[in-house]
Amino acid sequence: MKPVTIYTRALCPYCWRAVKLLKKKGVKFTEIDVGMDSARRAEMIKRANGGSTVPQIFIGDLHIGGCDDMVALEQAGKLDRLLQG
């Protein structure tokens, strides 16, 4: 399974939803809280080609977007293929 990285911040309902979906699927992931860390936030924005909202989700080096994007991939049956690579 490809490594998953999710940039989040506390009290973000979209972050919680995305994390919940990953956990439900049994996906191991790295969560990076950018709420109080300007260097990590800058890293996220650069990696996400300017995306500054949270969460920003990556499967390997592929930026899939935010929570709604990941949920759409799941509903379309495409998320598992991306995770398996």
PDB file of N, CA and C in Angstrom:
ATOM      1  N   MET A   1       0.851  -1.185   0.000  1.00  0.00           N
ATOM      2  CA  MET A   1       0.000   0.000   0.000  1.00  0.00           C
ATOM      3  C   MET A   1       0.890   1.240   0.000  1.00  0.00           C
ATOM      4  N   LYS A   2       0.518   2.218  -0.807  1.00  0.00           N
ATOM      5  CA  LYS A   2       1.285   3.452  -0.883  1.00  0.00           C
ATOM      6  C   LYS A   2       1.149   4.246   0.416  1.00  0.00           C
ATOM      7  N   PRO A   3       2.188   5.000   0.776  1.00  0.00           N
ATOM      8  CA  PRO A   3       2.089   5.823   1.985  1.00  0.00           C
ATOM      9  C   PRO A   3       1.107   6.970   1.780  1.00  0.00           C
ATOM     10  N   VAL A   4       0.349   7.262   2.820  1.00  0.00           N
ATOM     11  CA  VAL A   4      -0.632   8.343   2.779  1.00  0.00           C
ATOM     12  C   VAL A   4      -0.217   9.408   3.789  1.00  0.00           C
ATOM     13  N   THR A   5      -0.259  10.658   3.344  1.00  0.00           N
ATOM     14  CA  THR A   5       0.011  11.802   4.216  1.00  0.00           C
ATOM     15  C   THR A   5      -1.199  12.717   4.171  1.00  0.00           C
ATOM     16  N   ILE A   6      -1.632  13.140   5.355  1.00  0.00           N
ATOM     17  CA  ILE A   6      -2.765  14.053   5.436  1.00  0.00           C
ATOM     18  C   ILE A   6      -2.379  15.225   6.332  1.00  0.00           C
ATOM     19  N   TYR A   7      -2.485  16.415   5.766  1.00  0.00           N
ATOM     20  CA  TYR A   7      -2.223  17.651   6.510  1.00  0.00           C
ATOM     21  C   TYR A   7      -3.543  18.113   7.106  1.00  0.00           C
ATOM     22  N   THR A   8      -3.553  18.341   8.427  1.00  0.00           N
ATOM     23  CA  THR A   8      -4.776  18.671   9.139  1.00  0.00           C
ATOM     24  C   THR A   8      -4.548  19.840  10.094  1.00  0.00           C
ATOM     25  N   ARG A   9      -5.620  20.213  10.785  1.00  0.00           N
ATOM     26  CA  ARG A   9      -5.527  21.117  11.929  1.00  0.00           C
ATOM     27  C   ARG A   9      -6.639  20.739  12.895  1.00  0.00           C
ATOM     28  N   ALA A  10      -6.447  21.077  14.144  1.00  0.00           N
ATOM     29  CA  ALA A  10      -7.425  20.747  15.176  1.00  0.00           C
ATOM     30  C   ALA A  10      -8.755  21.444  14.879  1.00  0.00           C
ATOM     31  N   LEU A  11      -9.816  20.832  15.308  1.00  0.00           N
ATOM     32  CA  LEU A  11     -11.172  21.380  15.208  1.00  0.00           C
ATOM     33  C   LEU A  11     -11.670  21.548  13.774  1.00  0.00           C
ATOM     34  N   CYS A  12     -11.119  20.796  12.859  1.00  0.00           N
ATOM     35  CA  CYS A  12     -11.537  20.845  11.459  1.00  0.00           C
ATOM     36  C   CYS A  12     -12.421  19.633  11.175  1.00  0.00           C
ATOM     37  N   PRO A  13     -13.726  19.840  10.949  1.00  0.00           N
ATOM     38  CA  PRO A  13     -14.608  18.689  10.711  1.00  0.00           C
ATOM     39  C   PRO A  13     -14.276  17.918   9.432  1.00  0.00           C
ATOM     40  N   TYR A  14     -13.759  18.595   8.420  1.00  0.00           N
ATOM     41  CA  TYR A  14     -13.368  17.896   7.192  1.00  0.00           C
ATOM     42  C   TYR A  14     -12.161  17.008   7.445  1.00  0.00           C
ATOM     43  N   CYS A  15     -11.249  17.478   8.284  1.00  0.00           N
ATOM     44  CA  CYS A  15     -10.078  16.673   8.658  1.00  0.00           C
ATOM     45  C   CYS A  15     -10.530  15.426   9.401  1.00  0.00           C
ATOM     46  N   TRP A  16     -11.450  15.608  10.351  1.00  0.00           N
ATOM     47  CA  TRP A  16     -11.953  14.465  11.114  1.00  0.00           C
ATOM     48  C   TRP A  16     -12.611  13.447  10.189  1.00  0.00           C
ATOM     49  N   ARG A  17     -13.391  13.940   9.239  1.00  0.00           N
ATOM     50  CA  ARG A  17     -14.090  13.036   8.311  1.00  0.00           C
ATOM     51  C   ARG A  17     -13.097  12.251   7.455  1.00  0.00           C
ATOM     52  N   ALA A  18     -12.075  12.941   6.980  1.00  0.00           N
ATOM     53  CA  ALA A  18     -11.069  12.279   6.139  1.00  0.00           C
ATOM     54  C   ALA A  18     -10.300  11.237   6.948  1.00  0.00           C
ATOM     55  N   VAL A  19      -9.895  11.583   8.157  1.00  0.00           N
ATOM     56  CA  VAL A  19      -9.171  10.649   9.021  1.00  0.00           C
ATOM     57  C   VAL A  19     -10.051   9.444   9.342  1.00  0.00           C
ATOM     58  N   LYS A  20     -11.320   9.698   9.621  1.00  0.00           N
ATOM     59  CA  LYS A  20     -12.255   8.610   9.937  1.00  0.00           C
ATOM     60  C   LYS A  20     -12.365   7.629   8.770  1.00  0.00           C
ATOM     61  N   LEU A  21     -12.449   8.145   7.542  1.00  0.00           N
ATOM     62  CA  LEU A  21     -12.539   7.272   6.371  1.00  0.00           C
ATOM     63  C   LEU A  21     -11.274   6.433   6.229  1.00  0.00           C
ATOM     64  N   LEU A  22     -10.116   7.061   6.384  1.00  0.00           N
ATOM     65  CA  LEU A  22      -8.859   6.317   6.274  1.00  0.00           C
ATOM     66  C   LEU A  22      -8.783   5.216   7.333  1.00  0.00           C
ATOM     67  N   LYS A  23      -9.162   5.543   8.557  1.00  0.00           N
ATOM     68  CA  LYS A  23      -9.137   4.539   9.633  1.00  0.00           C
ATOM     69  C   LYS A  23     -10.130   3.411   9.359  1.00  0.00           C
ATOM     70  N   LYS A  24     -11.314   3.762   8.873  1.00  0.00           N
ATOM     71  CA  LYS A  24     -12.330   2.754   8.558  1.00  0.00           C
ATOM     72  C   LYS A  24     -11.818   1.767   7.512  1.00  0.00           C
ATOM     73  N   LYS A  25     -11.041   2.276   6.562  1.00  0.00           N
ATOM     74  CA  LYS A  25     -10.489   1.435   5.511  1.00  0.00           C
ATOM     75  C   LYS A  25      -9.229   0.694   5.951  1.00  0.00           C
ATOM     76  N   GLY A  26      -8.751   0.990   7.167  1.00  0.00           N
ATOM     77  CA  GLY A  26      -7.541   0.330   7.670  1.00  0.00           C
ATOM     78  C   GLY A  26      -6.266   0.856   7.047  1.00  0.00           C
ATOM     79  N   VAL A  27      -6.310   2.081   6.551  1.00  0.00           N
ATOM     80  CA  VAL A  27      -5.153   2.682   5.901  1.00  0.00           C
ATOM     81  C   VAL A  27      -4.251   3.320   6.955  1.00  0.00           C
ATOM     82  N   LYS A  28      -2.979   2.971   6.913  1.00  0.00           N
ATOM     83  CA  LYS A  28      -2.012   3.629   7.782  1.00  0.00           C
ATOM     84  C   LYS A  28      -1.625   4.935   7.114  1.00  0.00           C
ATOM     85  N   PHE A  29      -1.521   5.999   7.909  1.00  0.00           N
ATOM     86  CA  PHE A  29      -1.234   7.313   7.335  1.00  0.00           C
ATOM     87  C   PHE A  29      -0.410   8.133   8.310  1.00  0.00           C
ATOM     88  N   THR A  30       0.234   9.147   7.755  1.00  0.00           N
ATOM     89  CA  THR A  30       0.955  10.129   8.546  1.00  0.00           C
ATOM     90  C   THR A  30       0.109  11.380   8.585  1.00  0.00           C
ATOM     91  N   GLU A  31      -0.198  11.839   9.789  1.00  0.00           N
ATOM     92  CA  GLU A  31      -0.991  13.053   9.956  1.00  0.00           C
ATOM     93  C   GLU A  31      -0.074  14.173  10.422  1.00  0.00           C
ATOM     94  N   ILE A  32      -0.131  15.290   9.716  1.00  0.00           N
ATOM     95  CA  ILE A  32       0.696  16.452  10.049  1.00  0.00           C
ATOM     96  C   ILE A  32      -0.228  17.613  10.376  1.00  0.00           C
ATOM     97  N   ASP A  33      -0.174  18.062  11.630  1.00  0.00           N
ATOM     98  CA  ASP A  33      -1.002  19.182  12.082  1.00  0.00           C
ATOM     99  C   ASP A  33      -0.303  20.485  11.711  1.00  0.00           C
ATOM    100  N   VAL A  34      -0.935  21.262  10.845  1.00  0.00           N
ATOM    101  CA  VAL A  34      -0.344  22.520  10.379  1.00  0.00           C
ATOM    102  C   VAL A  34      -0.921  23.735  11.098  1.00  0.00           C
ATOM    103  N   GLY A  35      -1.786  23.502  12.077  1.00  0.00           N
ATOM    104  CA  GLY A  35      -2.472  24.597  12.745  1.00  0.00           C
ATOM    105  C   GLY A  35      -1.560  25.626  13.389  1.00  0.00           C
ATOM    106  N   MET A  36      -0.523  25.179  14.039  1.00  0.00           N
ATOM    107  CA  MET A  36       0.372  26.095  14.748  1.00  0.00           C
ATOM    108  C   MET A  36       1.810  26.012  14.223  1.00  0.00           C
ATOM    109  N   ASP A  37       1.992  25.433  13.064  1.00  0.00           N
ATOM    110  CA  ASP A  37       3.334  25.208  12.522  1.00  0.00           C
ATOM    111  C   ASP A  37       3.426  25.832  11.127  1.00  0.00           C
ATOM    112  N   SER A  38       3.938  27.048  11.074  1.00  0.00           N
ATOM    113  CA  SER A  38       3.977  27.778   9.798  1.00  0.00           C
ATOM    114  C   SER A  38       4.895  27.107   8.775  1.00  0.00           C
ATOM    115  N   ALA A  39       5.955  26.462   9.227  1.00  0.00           N
ATOM    116  CA  ALA A  39       6.850  25.781   8.291  1.00  0.00           C
ATOM    117  C   ALA A  39       6.142  24.592   7.641  1.00  0.00           C
ATOM    118  N   ARG A  40       5.414  23.822   8.436  1.00  0.00           N
ATOM    119  CA  ARG A  40       4.679  22.679   7.889  1.00  0.00           C
ATOM    120  C   ARG A  40       3.536  23.147   6.987  1.00  0.00           C
ATOM    121  N   ARG A  41       2.910  24.260   7.346  1.00  0.00           N
ATOM    122  CA  ARG A  41       1.837  24.813   6.509  1.00  0.00           C
ATOM    123  C   ARG A  41       2.403  25.238   5.150  1.00  0.00           C
ATOM    124  N   ALA A  42       3.561  25.888   5.159  1.00  0.00           N
ATOM    125  CA  ALA A  42       4.207  26.288   3.909  1.00  0.00           C
ATOM    126  C   ALA A  42       4.563  25.062   3.073  1.00  0.00           C
ATOM    127  N   GLU A  43       5.033  24.000   3.745  1.00  0.00           N
ATOM    128  CA  GLU A  43       5.344  22.740   3.057  1.00  0.00           C
ATOM    129  C   GLU A  43       4.089  22.181   2.385  1.00  0.00           C
ATOM    130  N   MET A  44       2.970  22.187   3.121  1.00  0.00           N
ATOM    131  CA  MET A  44       1.712  21.687   2.591  1.00  0.00           C
ATOM    132  C   MET A  44       1.286  22.477   1.356  1.00  0.00           C
ATOM    133  N   ILE A  45       1.325  23.793   1.455  1.00  0.00           N
ATOM    134  CA  ILE A  45       0.893  24.651   0.346  1.00  0.00           C
ATOM    135  C   ILE A  45       1.754  24.420  -0.889  1.00  0.00           C
ATOM    136  N   LYS A  46       3.042  24.275  -0.678  1.00  0.00           N
ATOM    137  CA  LYS A  46       3.948  24.015  -1.807  1.00  0.00           C
ATOM    138  C   LYS A  46       3.638  22.657  -2.435  1.00  0.00           C
ATOM    139  N   ARG A  47       3.504  21.629  -1.596  1.00  0.00           N
ATOM    140  CA  ARG A  47       3.213  20.287  -2.110  1.00  0.00           C
ATOM    141  C   ARG A  47       1.873  20.233  -2.822  1.00  0.00           C
ATOM    142  N   ALA A  48       0.902  21.022  -2.337  1.00  0.00           N
ATOM    143  CA  ALA A  48      -0.451  21.008  -2.897  1.00  0.00           C
ATOM    144  C   ALA A  48      -0.635  22.035  -4.000  1.00  0.00           C
ATOM    145  N   ASN A  49       0.470  22.545  -4.542  1.00  0.00           N
ATOM    146  CA  ASN A  49       0.410  23.519  -5.637  1.00  0.00           C
ATOM    147  C   ASN A  49      -0.500  24.696  -5.315  1.00  0.00           C
ATOM    148  N   GLY A  50      -0.345  25.217  -4.095  1.00  0.00           N
ATOM    149  CA  GLY A  50      -1.102  26.397  -3.694  1.00  0.00           C
ATOM    150  C   GLY A  50      -2.329  26.105  -2.852  1.00  0.00           C
ATOM    151  N   GLY A  51      -2.678  24.841  -2.684  1.00  0.00           N
ATOM    152  CA  GLY A  51      -3.830  24.486  -1.858  1.00  0.00           C
ATOM    153  C   GLY A  51      -3.570  24.853  -0.404  1.00  0.00           C
ATOM    154  N   SER A  52      -4.400  25.714   0.157  1.00  0.00           N
ATOM    155  CA  SER A  52      -4.136  26.200   1.510  1.00  0.00           C
ATOM    156  C   SER A  52      -5.192  25.788   2.527  1.00  0.00           C
ATOM    157  N   THR A  53      -6.246  25.119   2.076  1.00  0.00           N
ATOM    158  CA  THR A  53      -7.253  24.646   3.015  1.00  0.00           C
ATOM    159  C   THR A  53      -6.861  23.261   3.523  1.00  0.00           C
ATOM    160  N   VAL A  54      -7.426  22.878   4.649  1.00  0.00           N
ATOM    161  CA  VAL A  54      -7.159  21.545   5.178  1.00  0.00           C
ATOM    162  C   VAL A  54      -8.443  20.734   5.155  1.00  0.00           C
ATOM    163  N   PRO A  55      -8.339  19.438   5.001  1.00  0.00           N
ATOM    164  CA  PRO A  55      -7.099  18.696   4.841  1.00  0.00           C
ATOM    165  C   PRO A  55      -6.589  18.742   3.399  1.00  0.00           C
ATOM    166  N   GLN A  56      -5.313  18.486   3.259  1.00  0.00           N
ATOM    167  CA  GLN A  56      -4.700  18.215   1.963  1.00  0.00           C
ATOM    168  C   GLN A  56      -4.171  16.792   2.071  1.00  0.00           C
ATOM    169  N   ILE A  57      -4.531  15.950   1.112  1.00  0.00           N
ATOM    170  CA  ILE A  57      -4.258  14.520   1.207  1.00  0.00           C
ATOM    171  C   ILE A  57      -3.401  14.077   0.030  1.00  0.00           C
ATOM    172  N   PHE A  58      -2.389  13.261   0.362  1.00  0.00           N
ATOM    173  CA  PHE A  58      -1.467  12.733  -0.637  1.00  0.00           C
ATOM    174  C   PHE A  58      -1.397  11.220  -0.507  1.00  0.00           C
ATOM    175  N   ILE A  59      -1.448  10.550  -1.643  1.00  0.00           N
ATOM    176  CA  ILE A  59      -1.206   9.113  -1.703  1.00  0.00           C
ATOM    177  C   ILE A  59       0.096   8.959  -2.462  1.00  0.00           C
ATOM    178  N   GLY A  60       1.143   8.562  -1.744  1.00  0.00           N
ATOM    179  CA  GLY A  60       2.479   8.614  -2.317  1.00  0.00           C
ATOM    180  C   GLY A  60       2.775  10.067  -2.633  1.00  0.00           C
ATOM    181  N   ASP A  61       3.190  10.356  -3.846  1.00  0.00           N
ATOM    182  CA  ASP A  61       3.447  11.736  -4.269  1.00  0.00           C
ATOM    183  C   ASP A  61       2.239  12.373  -4.957  1.00  0.00           C
ATOM    184  N   LEU A  62       1.156  11.611  -5.119  1.00  0.00           N
ATOM    185  CA  LEU A  62      -0.032  12.108  -5.809  1.00  0.00           C
ATOM    186  C   LEU A  62      -0.914  12.910  -4.870  1.00  0.00           C
ATOM    187  N   HIS A  63      -1.156  14.164  -5.216  1.00  0.00           N
ATOM    188  CA  HIS A  63      -2.055  15.020  -4.446  1.00  0.00           C
ATOM    189  C   HIS A  63      -3.479  14.729  -4.904  1.00  0.00           C
ATOM    190  N   ILE A  64      -4.311  14.212  -3.982  1.00  0.00           N
ATOM    191  CA  ILE A  64      -5.687  13.908  -4.374  1.00  0.00           C
ATOM    192  C   ILE A  64      -6.654  15.004  -3.969  1.00  0.00           C
ATOM    193  N   GLY A  65      -6.203  15.992  -3.212  1.00  0.00           N
ATOM    194  CA  GLY A  65      -7.065  17.103  -2.825  1.00  0.00           C
ATOM    195  C   GLY A  65      -7.466  17.022  -1.372  1.00  0.00           C
ATOM    196  N   GLY A  66      -8.716  17.402  -1.112  1.00  0.00           N
ATOM    197  CA  GLY A  66      -9.213  17.450   0.252  1.00  0.00           C
ATOM    198  C   GLY A  66     -10.167  16.311   0.565  1.00  0.00           C
ATOM    199  N   CYS A  67     -10.908  16.481   1.631  1.00  0.00           N
ATOM    200  CA  CYS A  67     -11.833  15.455   2.111  1.00  0.00           C
ATOM    201  C   CYS A  67     -12.878  15.108   1.056  1.00  0.00           C
ATOM    202  N   ASP A  68     -13.537  16.105   0.500  1.00  0.00           N
ATOM    203  CA  ASP A  68     -14.586  15.842  -0.492  1.00  0.00           C
ATOM    204  C   ASP A  68     -14.037  15.097  -1.699  1.00  0.00           C
ATOM    205  N   ASP A  69     -12.803  15.431  -2.081  1.00  0.00           N
ATOM    206  CA  ASP A  69     -12.173  14.749  -3.219  1.00  0.00           C
ATOM    207  C   ASP A  69     -11.931  13.277  -2.900  1.00  0.00           C
ATOM    208  N   MET A  70     -11.458  13.006  -1.676  1.00  0.00           N
ATOM    209  CA  MET A  70     -11.193  11.623  -1.288  1.00  0.00           C
ATOM    210  C   MET A  70     -12.501  10.834  -1.181  1.00  0.00           C
ATOM    211  N   VAL A  71     -13.533  11.439  -0.620  1.00  0.00           N
ATOM    212  CA  VAL A  71     -14.833  10.776  -0.519  1.00  0.00           C
ATOM    213  C   VAL A  71     -15.373  10.477  -1.925  1.00  0.00           C
ATOM    214  N   ALA A  72     -15.218  11.402  -2.845  1.00  0.00           N
ATOM    215  CA  ALA A  72     -15.672  11.174  -4.225  1.00  0.00           C
ATOM    216  C   ALA A  72     -14.920  10.004  -4.860  1.00  0.00           C
ATOM    217  N   LEU A  73     -13.621   9.917  -4.616  1.00  0.00           N
ATOM    218  CA  LEU A  73     -12.844   8.787  -5.134  1.00  0.00           C
ATOM    219  C   LEU A  73     -13.351   7.474  -4.545  1.00  0.00           C
ATOM    220  N   GLU A  74     -13.653   7.483  -3.250  1.00  0.00           N
ATOM    221  CA  GLU A  74     -14.178   6.285  -2.592  1.00  0.00           C
ATOM    222  C   GLU A  74     -15.520   5.888  -3.186  1.00  0.00           C
ATOM    223  N   GLN A  75     -16.411   6.842  -3.364  1.00  0.00           N
ATOM    224  CA  GLN A  75     -17.742   6.552  -3.909  1.00  0.00           C
ATOM    225  C   GLN A  75     -17.679   6.063  -5.350  1.00  0.00           C
ATOM    226  N   ALA A  76     -16.665   6.510  -6.087  1.00  0.00           N
ATOM    227  CA  ALA A  76     -16.495   6.093  -7.476  1.00  0.00           C
ATOM    228  C   ALA A  76     -15.734   4.770  -7.589  1.00  0.00           C
ATOM    229  N   GLY A  77     -15.314   4.216  -6.447  1.00  0.00           N
ATOM    230  CA  GLY A  77     -14.584   2.960  -6.465  1.00  0.00           C
ATOM    231  C   GLY A  77     -13.137   3.091  -6.924  1.00  0.00           C
ATOM    232  N   LYS A  78     -12.580   4.292  -6.870  1.00  0.00           N
ATOM    233  CA  LYS A  78     -11.220   4.533  -7.360  1.00  0.00           C
ATOM    234  C   LYS A  78     -10.174   4.652  -6.260  1.00  0.00           C
ATOM    235  N   LEU A  79     -10.608   4.866  -5.026  1.00  0.00           N
ATOM    236  CA  LEU A  79      -9.649   5.108  -3.943  1.00  0.00           C
ATOM    237  C   LEU A  79      -8.773   3.891  -3.675  1.00  0.00           C
ATOM    238  N   ASP A  80      -9.355   2.713  -3.625  1.00  0.00           N
ATOM    239  CA  ASP A  80      -8.566   1.510  -3.340  1.00  0.00           C
ATOM    240  C   ASP A  80      -7.478   1.282  -4.370  1.00  0.00           C
ATOM    241  N   ARG A  81      -7.780   1.532  -5.633  1.00  0.00           N
ATOM    242  CA  ARG A  81      -6.766   1.366  -6.690  1.00  0.00           C
ATOM    243  C   ARG A  81      -5.602   2.316  -6.487  1.00  0.00           C
ATOM    244  N   LEU A  82      -5.911   3.571  -6.110  1.00  0.00           N
ATOM    245  CA  LEU A  82      -4.849   4.534  -5.864  1.00  0.00           C
ATOM    246  C   LEU A  82      -3.996   4.118  -4.673  1.00  0.00           C
ATOM    247  N   LEU A  83      -4.635   3.610  -3.643  1.00  0.00           N
ATOM    248  CA  LEU A  83      -3.907   3.182  -2.449  1.00  0.00           C
ATOM    249  C   LEU A  83      -3.000   1.985  -2.743  1.00  0.00           C
ATOM    250  N   GLN A  84      -3.467   1.089  -3.593  1.00  0.00           N
ATOM    251  CA  GLN A  84      -2.685  -0.096  -3.923  1.00  0.00           C
ATOM    252  C   GLN A  84      -1.557   0.213  -4.898  1.00  0.00           C
ATOM    253  N   GLY A  85      -1.809   1.202  -5.759  1.00  0.00           N
ATOM    254  CA  GLY A  85      -0.806   1.640  -6.727  1.00  0.00           C
ATOM    255  C   GLY A  85      -0.470   0.619  -7.722  1.00  0.00           C
TER     256      GLY A  85
END
